[in-house]
Amino acid sequence: MEYGYLEFNIEKLLAENNISKNKICKDLDIPRPNFNRYCKNKFQRIDANLICKLCSYFDCDINEIITYVLAKNNNK
């Protein structure tokens, strides 16, 4: 059974706010390789501290950073 997946909207937020990956990584003290994995939705685990940093940085709610995508063939 597929449960769906989480998708990060970081690239969109960066573009909307005209912020470079280098700037946000420097401002939030985030290693660039780790941040790139989140931007490309190739993460294994979610760092709660990173989510808090992003919410604060963009002054937004978590649902603007992460989207839950329902599996297409989700038979209940």
PDB file of N, CA and C in Angstrom:
ATOM      1  N   MET A   1       0.838  -1.179   0.000  1.00  0.00           N
ATOM      2  CA  MET A   1       0.000   0.000   0.000  1.00  0.00           C
ATOM      3  C   MET A   1       0.887   1.247   0.000  1.00  0.00           C
ATOM      4  N   GLU A   2       0.587   2.171  -0.844  1.00  0.00           N
ATOM      5  CA  GLU A   2       1.326   3.431  -0.888  1.00  0.00           C
ATOM      6  C   GLU A   2       0.604   4.472  -0.041  1.00  0.00           C
ATOM      7  N   TYR A   3       1.376   5.231   0.693  1.00  0.00           N
ATOM      8  CA  TYR A   3       0.806   6.225   1.595  1.00  0.00           C
ATOM      9  C   TYR A   3       0.980   7.648   1.099  1.00  0.00           C
ATOM     10  N   GLY A   4       1.607   7.829  -0.026  1.00  0.00           N
ATOM     11  CA  GLY A   4       1.891   9.158  -0.519  1.00  0.00           C
ATOM     12  C   GLY A   4       3.297   9.569  -0.115  1.00  0.00           C
ATOM     13  N   TYR A   5       3.608  10.841  -0.294  1.00  0.00           N
ATOM     14  CA  TYR A   5       4.949  11.315   0.018  1.00  0.00           C
ATOM     15  C   TYR A   5       4.918  12.802   0.348  1.00  0.00           C
ATOM     16  N   LEU A   6       6.017  13.282   0.896  1.00  0.00           N
ATOM     17  CA  LEU A   6       6.165  14.691   1.224  1.00  0.00           C
ATOM     18  C   LEU A   6       7.011  15.367   0.155  1.00  0.00           C
ATOM     19  N   GLU A   7       6.629  16.566  -0.181  1.00  0.00           N
ATOM     20  CA  GLU A   7       7.344  17.333  -1.192  1.00  0.00           C
ATOM     21  C   GLU A   7       7.683  18.705  -0.619  1.00  0.00           C
ATOM     22  N   PHE A   8       8.932  19.094  -0.732  1.00  0.00           N
ATOM     23  CA  PHE A   8       9.361  20.402  -0.253  1.00  0.00           C
ATOM     24  C   PHE A   8       9.170  21.452  -1.342  1.00  0.00           C
ATOM     25  N   ASN A   9       8.756  22.628  -0.933  1.00  0.00           N
ATOM     26  CA  ASN A   9       8.521  23.735  -1.853  1.00  0.00           C
ATOM     27  C   ASN A   9       9.594  24.816  -1.707  1.00  0.00           C
ATOM     28  N   ILE A  10      10.789  24.406  -1.342  1.00  0.00           N
ATOM     29  CA  ILE A  10      11.860  25.363  -1.050  1.00  0.00           C
ATOM     30  C   ILE A  10      12.272  26.147  -2.290  1.00  0.00           C
ATOM     31  N   GLU A  11      12.415  25.464  -3.415  1.00  0.00           N
ATOM     32  CA  GLU A  11      12.825  26.147  -4.654  1.00  0.00           C
ATOM     33  C   GLU A  11      11.847  27.272  -4.985  1.00  0.00           C
ATOM     34  N   LYS A  12      10.573  27.004  -4.822  1.00  0.00           N
ATOM     35  CA  LYS A  12       9.532  28.004  -5.106  1.00  0.00           C
ATOM     36  C   LYS A  12       9.669  29.198  -4.159  1.00  0.00           C
ATOM     37  N   LEU A  13       9.857  28.927  -2.876  1.00  0.00           N
ATOM     38  CA  LEU A  13       9.991  29.998  -1.894  1.00  0.00           C
ATOM     39  C   LEU A  13      11.246  30.843  -2.153  1.00  0.00           C
ATOM     40  N   LEU A  14      12.331  30.178  -2.524  1.00  0.00           N
ATOM     41  CA  LEU A  14      13.551  30.915  -2.846  1.00  0.00           C
ATOM     42  C   LEU A  14      13.332  31.840  -4.036  1.00  0.00           C
ATOM     43  N   ALA A  15      12.682  31.330  -5.070  1.00  0.00           N
ATOM     44  CA  ALA A  15      12.431  32.126  -6.276  1.00  0.00           C
ATOM     45  C   ALA A  15      11.493  33.299  -5.974  1.00  0.00           C
ATOM     46  N   GLU A  16      10.432  33.030  -5.237  1.00  0.00           N
ATOM     47  CA  GLU A  16       9.467  34.088  -4.904  1.00  0.00           C
ATOM     48  C   GLU A  16      10.096  35.205  -4.076  1.00  0.00           C
ATOM     49  N   ASN A  17      11.079  34.849  -3.263  1.00  0.00           N
ATOM     50  CA  ASN A  17      11.717  35.826  -2.380  1.00  0.00           C
ATOM     51  C   ASN A  17      13.077  36.305  -2.890  1.00  0.00           C
ATOM     52  N   ASN A  18      13.434  35.841  -4.094  1.00  0.00           N
ATOM     53  CA  ASN A  18      14.694  36.232  -4.726  1.00  0.00           C
ATOM     54  C   ASN A  18      15.897  36.009  -3.795  1.00  0.00           C
ATOM     55  N   ILE A  19      15.951  34.788  -3.243  1.00  0.00           N
ATOM     56  CA  ILE A  19      17.020  34.415  -2.319  1.00  0.00           C
ATOM     57  C   ILE A  19      17.811  33.265  -2.934  1.00  0.00           C
ATOM     58  N   SER A  20      19.121  33.363  -2.902  1.00  0.00           N
ATOM     59  CA  SER A  20      19.960  32.297  -3.438  1.00  0.00           C
ATOM     60  C   SER A  20      20.144  31.189  -2.400  1.00  0.00           C
ATOM     61  N   LYS A  21      20.481  30.015  -2.883  1.00  0.00           N
ATOM     62  CA  LYS A  21      20.757  28.899  -1.974  1.00  0.00           C
ATOM     63  C   LYS A  21      21.973  29.217  -1.109  1.00  0.00           C
ATOM     64  N   ASN A  22      22.961  29.870  -1.695  1.00  0.00           N
ATOM     65  CA  ASN A  22      24.151  30.228  -0.918  1.00  0.00           C
ATOM     66  C   ASN A  22      23.798  31.150   0.242  1.00  0.00           C
ATOM     67  N   LYS A  23      22.926  32.123  -0.020  1.00  0.00           N
ATOM     68  CA  LYS A  23      22.546  33.081   1.018  1.00  0.00           C
ATOM     69  C   LYS A  23      21.796  32.393   2.154  1.00  0.00           C
ATOM     70  N   ILE A  24      20.802  31.607   1.835  1.00  0.00           N
ATOM     71  CA  ILE A  24      20.004  30.974   2.892  1.00  0.00           C
ATOM     72  C   ILE A  24      20.856  29.976   3.688  1.00  0.00           C
ATOM     73  N   CYS A  25      21.738  29.260   3.010  1.00  0.00           N
ATOM     74  CA  CYS A  25      22.607  28.318   3.720  1.00  0.00           C
ATOM     75  C   CYS A  25      23.532  29.060   4.683  1.00  0.00           C
ATOM     76  N   LYS A  26      24.041  30.196   4.238  1.00  0.00           N
ATOM     77  CA  LYS A  26      24.906  30.997   5.101  1.00  0.00           C
ATOM     78  C   LYS A  26      24.109  31.597   6.259  1.00  0.00           C
ATOM     79  N   ASP A  27      22.939  32.169   5.948  1.00  0.00           N
ATOM     80  CA  ASP A  27      22.106  32.806   6.974  1.00  0.00           C
ATOM     81  C   ASP A  27      21.646  31.819   8.045  1.00  0.00           C
ATOM     82  N   LEU A  28      21.334  30.604   7.641  1.00  0.00           N
ATOM     83  CA  LEU A  28      20.782  29.613   8.572  1.00  0.00           C
ATOM     84  C   LEU A  28      21.802  28.571   9.028  1.00  0.00           C
ATOM     85  N   ASP A  29      23.033  28.721   8.585  1.00  0.00           N
ATOM     86  CA  ASP A  29      24.101  27.788   8.950  1.00  0.00           C
ATOM     87  C   ASP A  29      23.711  26.348   8.615  1.00  0.00           C
ATOM     88  N   ILE A  30      23.345  26.144   7.346  1.00  0.00           N
ATOM     89  CA  ILE A  30      22.938  24.832   6.849  1.00  0.00           C
ATOM     90  C   ILE A  30      23.982  24.380   5.823  1.00  0.00           C
ATOM     91  N   PRO A  31      24.503  23.160   5.941  1.00  0.00           N
ATOM     92  CA  PRO A  31      25.433  22.670   4.916  1.00  0.00           C
ATOM     93  C   PRO A  31      24.735  22.600   3.548  1.00  0.00           C
ATOM     94  N   ARG A  32      25.385  23.158   2.538  1.00  0.00           N
ATOM     95  CA  ARG A  32      24.780  23.224   1.207  1.00  0.00           C
ATOM     96  C   ARG A  32      24.378  21.847   0.654  1.00  0.00           C
ATOM     97  N   PRO A  33      25.209  20.798   0.791  1.00  0.00           N
ATOM     98  CA  PRO A  33      24.782  19.485   0.266  1.00  0.00           C
ATOM     99  C   PRO A  33      23.486  18.980   0.910  1.00  0.00           C
ATOM    100  N   ASN A  34      23.342  19.183   2.213  1.00  0.00           N
ATOM    101  CA  ASN A  34      22.109  18.770   2.901  1.00  0.00           C
ATOM    102  C   ASN A  34      20.918  19.566   2.376  1.00  0.00           C
ATOM    103  N   PHE A  35      21.115  20.872   2.234  1.00  0.00           N
ATOM    104  CA  PHE A  35      20.028  21.740   1.762  1.00  0.00           C
ATOM    105  C   PHE A  35      19.614  21.355   0.343  1.00  0.00           C
ATOM    106  N   ASN A  36      20.576  21.020  -0.495  1.00  0.00           N
ATOM    107  CA  ASN A  36      20.268  20.615  -1.872  1.00  0.00           C
ATOM    108  C   ASN A  36      19.388  19.375  -1.912  1.00  0.00           C
ATOM    109  N   ARG A  37      19.620  18.442  -0.996  1.00  0.00           N
ATOM    110  CA  ARG A  37      18.776  17.237  -0.952  1.00  0.00           C
ATOM    111  C   ARG A  37      17.317  17.597  -0.670  1.00  0.00           C
ATOM    112  N   TYR A  38      17.095  18.546   0.220  1.00  0.00           N
ATOM    113  CA  TYR A  38      15.723  18.980   0.494  1.00  0.00           C
ATOM    114  C   TYR A  38      15.133  19.698  -0.714  1.00  0.00           C
ATOM    115  N   CYS A  39      15.920  20.524  -1.356  1.00  0.00           N
ATOM    116  CA  CYS A  39      15.448  21.265  -2.536  1.00  0.00           C
ATOM    117  C   CYS A  39      15.052  20.320  -3.664  1.00  0.00           C
ATOM    118  N   LYS A  40      15.786  19.209  -3.793  1.00  0.00           N
ATOM    119  CA  LYS A  40      15.529  18.243  -4.863  1.00  0.00           C
ATOM    120  C   LYS A  40      14.595  17.121  -4.435  1.00  0.00           C
ATOM    121  N   ASN A  41      14.058  17.212  -3.208  1.00  0.00           N
ATOM    122  CA  ASN A  41      13.161  16.188  -2.663  1.00  0.00           C
ATOM    123  C   ASN A  41      13.816  14.811  -2.668  1.00  0.00           C
ATOM    124  N   LYS A  42      15.081  14.770  -2.294  1.00  0.00           N
ATOM    125  CA  LYS A  42      15.823  13.510  -2.234  1.00  0.00           C
ATOM    126  C   LYS A  42      16.324  13.262  -0.811  1.00  0.00           C
ATOM    127  N   PHE A  43      15.483  13.536   0.153  1.00  0.00           N
ATOM    128  CA  PHE A  43      15.851  13.393   1.561  1.00  0.00           C
ATOM    129  C   PHE A  43      15.364  12.055   2.095  1.00  0.00           C
ATOM    130  N   GLN A  44      16.032  11.567   3.129  1.00  0.00           N
ATOM    131  CA  GLN A  44      15.637  10.328   3.793  1.00  0.00           C
ATOM    132  C   GLN A  44      14.807  10.622   5.036  1.00  0.00           C
ATOM    133  N   ARG A  45      15.254  11.628   5.774  1.00  0.00           N
ATOM    134  CA  ARG A  45      14.590  12.021   7.016  1.00  0.00           C
ATOM    135  C   ARG A  45      14.425  13.528   7.018  1.00  0.00           C
ATOM    136  N   ILE A  46      13.489  13.990   7.812  1.00  0.00           N
ATOM    137  CA  ILE A  46      13.254  15.427   7.916  1.00  0.00           C
ATOM    138  C   ILE A  46      13.830  15.933   9.233  1.00  0.00           C
ATOM    139  N   ASP A  47      14.611  16.975   9.136  1.00  0.00           N
ATOM    140  CA  ASP A  47      15.217  17.616  10.297  1.00  0.00           C
ATOM    141  C   ASP A  47      14.228  18.675  10.816  1.00  0.00           C
ATOM    142  N   ALA A  48      13.643  18.425  11.974  1.00  0.00           N
ATOM    143  CA  ALA A  48      12.650  19.343  12.545  1.00  0.00           C
ATOM    144  C   ALA A  48      13.240  20.731  12.778  1.00  0.00           C
ATOM    145  N   ASN A  49      14.501  20.799  13.191  1.00  0.00           N
ATOM    146  CA  ASN A  49      15.152  22.081  13.416  1.00  0.00           C
ATOM    147  C   ASN A  49      15.251  22.876  12.111  1.00  0.00           C
ATOM    148  N   LEU A  50      15.552  22.194  11.015  1.00  0.00           N
ATOM    149  CA  LEU A  50      15.608  22.858   9.710  1.00  0.00           C
ATOM    150  C   LEU A  50      14.242  23.424   9.329  1.00  0.00           C
ATOM    151  N   ILE A  51      13.197  22.655   9.570  1.00  0.00           N
ATOM    152  CA  ILE A  51      11.844  23.130   9.243  1.00  0.00           C
ATOM    153  C   ILE A  51      11.520  24.381  10.053  1.00  0.00           C
ATOM    154  N   CYS A  52      11.868  24.382  11.316  1.00  0.00           N
ATOM    155  CA  CYS A  52      11.634  25.565  12.159  1.00  0.00           C
ATOM    156  C   CYS A  52      12.418  26.763  11.641  1.00  0.00           C
ATOM    157  N   LYS A  53      13.671  26.530  11.256  1.00  0.00           N
ATOM    158  CA  LYS A  53      14.489  27.613  10.704  1.00  0.00           C
ATOM    159  C   LYS A  53      13.852  28.186   9.438  1.00  0.00           C
ATOM    160  N   LEU A  54      13.381  27.297   8.554  1.00  0.00           N
ATOM    161  CA  LEU A  54      12.778  27.747   7.296  1.00  0.00           C
ATOM    162  C   LEU A  54      11.479  28.510   7.531  1.00  0.00           C
ATOM    163  N   CYS A  55      10.653  28.023   8.439  1.00  0.00           N
ATOM    164  CA  CYS A  55       9.399  28.721   8.757  1.00  0.00           C
ATOM    165  C   CYS A  55       9.694  30.120   9.285  1.00  0.00           C
ATOM    166  N   SER A  56      10.670  30.228  10.149  1.00  0.00           N
ATOM    167  CA  SER A  56      11.042  31.527  10.705  1.00  0.00           C
ATOM    168  C   SER A  56      11.639  32.425   9.625  1.00  0.00           C
ATOM    169  N   TYR A  57      12.529  31.884   8.814  1.00  0.00           N
ATOM    170  CA  TYR A  57      13.217  32.653   7.779  1.00  0.00           C
ATOM    171  C   TYR A  57      12.239  33.230   6.761  1.00  0.00           C
ATOM    172  N   PHE A  58      11.287  32.387   6.315  1.00  0.00           N
ATOM    173  CA  PHE A  58      10.310  32.823   5.319  1.00  0.00           C
ATOM    174  C   PHE A  58       9.051  33.412   5.946  1.00  0.00           C
ATOM    175  N   ASP A  59       8.984  33.409   7.276  1.00  0.00           N
ATOM    176  CA  ASP A  59       7.808  33.896   7.996  1.00  0.00           C
ATOM    177  C   ASP A  59       6.543  33.245   7.434  1.00  0.00           C
ATOM    178  N   CYS A  60       6.542  31.912   7.477  1.00  0.00           N
ATOM    179  CA  CYS A  60       5.416  31.174   6.894  1.00  0.00           C
ATOM    180  C   CYS A  60       5.075  29.961   7.758  1.00  0.00           C
ATOM    181  N   ASP A  61       3.983  29.314   7.405  1.00  0.00           N
ATOM    182  CA  ASP A  61       3.561  28.089   8.084  1.00  0.00           C
ATOM    183  C   ASP A  61       4.222  26.891   7.420  1.00  0.00           C
ATOM    184  N   ILE A  62       4.252  25.786   8.126  1.00  0.00           N
ATOM    185  CA  ILE A  62       4.890  24.571   7.626  1.00  0.00           C
ATOM    186  C   ILE A  62       4.259  24.086   6.317  1.00  0.00           C
ATOM    187  N   ASN A  63       2.961  24.302   6.151  1.00  0.00           N
ATOM    188  CA  ASN A  63       2.294  23.833   4.935  1.00  0.00           C
ATOM    189  C   ASN A  63       2.733  24.604   3.683  1.00  0.00           C
ATOM    190  N   GLU A  64       3.416  25.719   3.855  1.00  0.00           N
ATOM    191  CA  GLU A  64       3.973  26.432   2.708  1.00  0.00           C
ATOM    192  C   GLU A  64       5.340  25.873   2.329  1.00  0.00           C
ATOM    193  N   ILE A  65       5.945  25.132   3.232  1.00  0.00           N
ATOM    194  CA  ILE A  65       7.255  24.544   2.991  1.00  0.00           C
ATOM    195  C   ILE A  65       7.130  23.091   2.551  1.00  0.00           C
ATOM    196  N   ILE A  66       6.211  22.359   3.175  1.00  0.00           N
ATOM    197  CA  ILE A  66       6.038  20.936   2.890  1.00  0.00           C
ATOM    198  C   ILE A  66       4.606  20.679   2.433  1.00  0.00           C
ATOM    199  N   THR A  67       4.482  19.879   1.384  1.00  0.00           N
ATOM    200  CA  THR A  67       3.173  19.472   0.881  1.00  0.00           C
ATOM    201  C   THR A  67       3.078  17.952   0.953  1.00  0.00           C
ATOM    202  N   TYR A  68       1.968  17.461   1.468  1.00  0.00           N
ATOM    203  CA  TYR A  68       1.714  16.017   1.449  1.00  0.00           C
ATOM    204  C   TYR A  68       1.006  15.689   0.148  1.00  0.00           C
ATOM    205  N   VAL A  69       1.578  14.768  -0.610  1.00  0.00           N
ATOM    206  CA  VAL A  69       0.992  14.347  -1.882  1.00  0.00           C
ATOM    207  C   VAL A  69       0.415  12.952  -1.685  1.00  0.00           C
ATOM    208  N   LEU A  70      -0.890  12.840  -1.827  1.00  0.00           N
ATOM    209  CA  LEU A  70      -1.597  11.576  -1.643  1.00  0.00           C
ATOM    210  C   LEU A  70      -1.240  10.615  -2.763  1.00  0.00           C
ATOM    211  N   ALA A  71      -1.039   9.348  -2.423  1.00  0.00           N
ATOM    212  CA  ALA A  71      -0.754   8.322  -3.440  1.00  0.00           C
ATOM    213  C   ALA A  71      -1.949   8.213  -4.380  1.00  0.00           C
ATOM    214  N   LYS A  72      -1.681   8.026  -5.654  1.00  0.00           N
ATOM    215  CA  LYS A  72      -2.751   7.969  -6.661  1.00  0.00           C
ATOM    216  C   LYS A  72      -3.639   6.749  -6.483  1.00  0.00           C
ATOM    217  N   ASN A  73      -3.068   5.629  -6.133  1.00  0.00           N
ATOM    218  CA  ASN A  73      -3.836   4.389  -5.976  1.00  0.00           C
ATOM    219  C   ASN A  73      -3.994   4.031  -4.514  1.00  0.00           C
ATOM    220  N   ASN A  74      -4.512   4.960  -3.742  1.00  0.00           N
ATOM    221  CA  ASN A  74      -4.671   4.735  -2.304  1.00  0.00           C
ATOM    222  C   ASN A  74      -6.050   4.134  -2.040  1.00  0.00           C
ATOM    223  N   ASN A  75      -6.099   2.806  -1.994  1.00  0.00           N
ATOM    224  CA  ASN A  75      -7.365   2.108  -1.736  1.00  0.00           C
ATOM    225  C   ASN A  75      -7.555   1.952  -0.237  1.00  0.00           C
ATOM    226  N   LYS A  76      -8.575   2.568   0.280  1.00  0.00           N
ATOM    227  CA  LYS A  76      -8.842   2.496   1.723  1.00  0.00           C
ATOM    228  C   LYS A  76      -9.731   1.338   2.061  1.00  0.00           C
TER     229      LYS A  76
END
